[in-house]
Amino acid sequence: MSITTNSPATTVQTPLQSAVGNVQSIWLLAVPLTPAAVAANTSAEQTFTVNGLQVGDVINVDKPTVQAGLGIINNRAGANTLYIGFSNNTGSPITPTAGEVYAVSVLRPIAQDVTNGLPSSLPTP
């Protein structure tokens, strides 16, 4: 949440809720992307540079517009790299709209939980 005051003009970033469980931090990014064409009746993974991403980050990607026959089927993170899997379910190539700003959510697990293995279920209350 951003709070802006009128005098003097300042902006303070205030977290709404701290991370809970085995999540170290959560971010929401606005990433402008220009993906390449996706061939007909196929799926293809494309890579984009997003500084700060780390292997093990849990990623969710939202495209701001709908394009008939085009879907996002997978996404993951590497070192400074965002991987997005696109699916084209039509008989013609589809080029995702150039220059759109995608919403990218990043959940970063606590490092020791990644090293020791993430749990397969939630703790019981």
Protein backbone atom coordinates (compact mmCIF):
# COMPACT_ATOMS: atom_id res chain seq x y z
CA MET A 1 0.00 0.00 0.00
CA SER A 2 1.32 3.44 -0.87
CA ILE A 3 0.55 6.42 1.33
CA THR A 4 1.09 9.92 -0.04
CA THR A 5 0.89 13.08 2.04
CA ASN A 6 0.38 16.59 0.65
CA SER A 7 2.94 18.53 2.67
CA PRO A 8 5.70 17.73 2.24
CA ALA A 9 5.06 15.37 -0.70
CA THR A 10 6.41 11.95 0.32
CA THR A 11 5.50 8.39 -0.49
CA VAL A 12 5.95 5.58 2.02
CA GLN A 13 5.65 1.91 1.09
CA THR A 14 3.84 0.01 3.83
CA PRO A 15 3.37 -3.77 3.69
CA LEU A 16 -0.22 -4.87 4.15
CA GLN A 17 0.77 -8.20 5.67
CA SER A 18 4.11 -9.80 6.34
CA ALA A 19 4.95 -13.17 4.84
CA VAL A 20 3.58 -16.17 6.73
CA GLY A 21 4.69 -19.81 6.78
CA ASN A 22 7.73 -20.62 4.69
CA VAL A 23 7.57 -17.57 2.39
CA GLN A 24 10.40 -15.09 2.88
CA SER A 25 8.98 -12.34 0.65
CA ILE A 26 6.27 -11.58 -1.89
CA TRP A 27 6.45 -9.08 -4.76
CA LEU A 28 4.13 -7.96 -7.52
CA LEU A 29 5.98 -6.68 -10.59
CA ALA A 30 4.78 -4.83 -13.70
CA VAL A 31 6.98 -6.21 -16.50
CA PRO A 32 6.68 -4.90 -20.09
CA LEU A 33 7.18 -7.83 -22.50
CA THR A 34 7.30 -8.33 -26.25
CA PRO A 35 7.04 -12.10 -26.82
CA ALA A 36 7.85 -13.78 -30.12
CA ALA A 37 5.29 -15.54 -32.31
CA VAL A 38 4.03 -18.94 -31.17
CA ALA A 39 3.73 -21.48 -34.00
CA ALA A 40 0.36 -23.04 -34.85
CA ASN A 41 -0.90 -25.93 -32.71
CA THR A 42 2.08 -25.95 -30.38
CA SER A 43 3.46 -24.71 -27.10
CA ALA A 44 6.76 -22.91 -26.64
CA GLU A 45 8.67 -21.51 -23.70
CA GLN A 46 10.14 -18.03 -24.06
CA THR A 47 12.65 -16.29 -21.80
CA PHE A 48 12.74 -12.70 -20.58
CA THR A 49 15.26 -10.87 -18.38
CA VAL A 50 13.84 -9.80 -15.02
CA ASN A 51 16.62 -8.67 -12.71
CA GLY A 52 16.52 -10.15 -9.23
CA LEU A 53 14.63 -13.37 -9.98
CA GLN A 54 16.20 -16.46 -8.44
CA VAL A 55 15.98 -20.18 -9.05
CA GLY A 56 13.29 -21.48 -6.70
CA ASP A 57 11.09 -18.37 -6.83
CA VAL A 58 7.45 -19.31 -7.35
CA ILE A 59 6.03 -17.29 -10.25
CA ASN A 60 2.56 -16.41 -11.50
CA VAL A 61 2.14 -14.44 -14.74
CA ASP A 62 -0.99 -12.57 -15.84
CA LYS A 63 -1.27 -11.27 -19.42
CA PRO A 64 -3.33 -8.06 -19.44
CA THR A 65 -5.40 -8.94 -22.54
CA VAL A 66 -6.99 -12.02 -24.06
CA GLN A 67 -6.00 -13.31 -27.48
CA ALA A 68 -8.18 -16.10 -28.92
CA GLY A 69 -6.30 -19.40 -29.02
CA LEU A 70 -3.33 -18.17 -26.96
CA GLY A 71 -2.71 -19.34 -23.42
CA ILE A 72 -0.05 -19.22 -20.74
CA ILE A 73 0.54 -22.79 -19.64
CA ASN A 74 3.60 -22.58 -17.40
CA ASN A 75 5.96 -20.08 -15.81
CA ARG A 76 9.08 -20.37 -13.71
CA ALA A 77 12.13 -18.43 -12.59
CA GLY A 78 15.85 -18.75 -13.19
CA ALA A 79 18.71 -16.44 -12.27
CA ASN A 80 17.46 -13.04 -13.55
CA THR A 81 15.26 -14.93 -16.01
CA LEU A 82 11.49 -15.29 -16.36
CA TYR A 83 10.34 -18.33 -18.35
CA ILE A 84 6.81 -18.26 -19.79
CA GLY A 85 5.24 -21.18 -21.64
CA PHE A 86 2.77 -20.06 -24.30
CA SER A 87 0.25 -22.36 -25.99
CA ASN A 88 -1.24 -21.72 -29.43
CA ASN A 89 -4.41 -23.74 -29.97
CA THR A 90 -5.12 -22.53 -33.50
CA GLY A 91 -4.05 -23.45 -37.02
CA SER A 92 -2.12 -20.19 -37.50
CA PRO A 93 0.82 -18.57 -35.70
CA ILE A 94 -0.09 -16.08 -32.95
CA THR A 95 2.14 -13.25 -31.82
CA PRO A 96 1.32 -12.09 -28.27
CA THR A 97 0.66 -8.35 -28.19
CA ALA A 98 3.95 -6.43 -28.14
CA GLY A 99 4.81 -4.09 -25.29
CA GLU A 100 2.08 -5.20 -22.90
CA VAL A 101 2.77 -4.91 -19.18
CA TYR A 102 2.36 -8.32 -17.56
CA ALA A 103 1.62 -8.66 -13.84
CA VAL A 104 4.21 -11.03 -12.36
CA SER A 105 3.81 -12.27 -8.79
CA VAL A 106 6.95 -13.59 -7.12
CA LEU A 107 6.90 -15.67 -3.94
CA ARG A 108 10.36 -16.35 -2.56
CA PRO A 109 10.52 -19.33 -0.18
CA ILE A 110 12.75 -19.22 2.88
CA ALA A 111 16.17 -20.41 1.66
CA GLN A 112 16.54 -23.26 4.18
CA ASP A 113 13.16 -24.68 3.12
CA VAL A 114 14.33 -24.81 -0.50
CA THR A 115 17.62 -26.45 0.54
CA ASN A 116 15.99 -28.97 2.88
CA GLY A 117 13.01 -29.60 0.61
CA LEU A 118 9.62 -27.91 0.62
CA PRO A 119 6.87 -29.64 2.62
CA SER A 120 4.24 -31.61 0.71
CA SER A 121 1.36 -30.52 2.96
CA LEU A 122 0.29 -27.74 5.29
CA PRO A 123 0.86 -28.09 9.04
CA THR A 124 -2.21 -29.05 11.00
CA PRO A 125 -3.50 -26.39 13.39
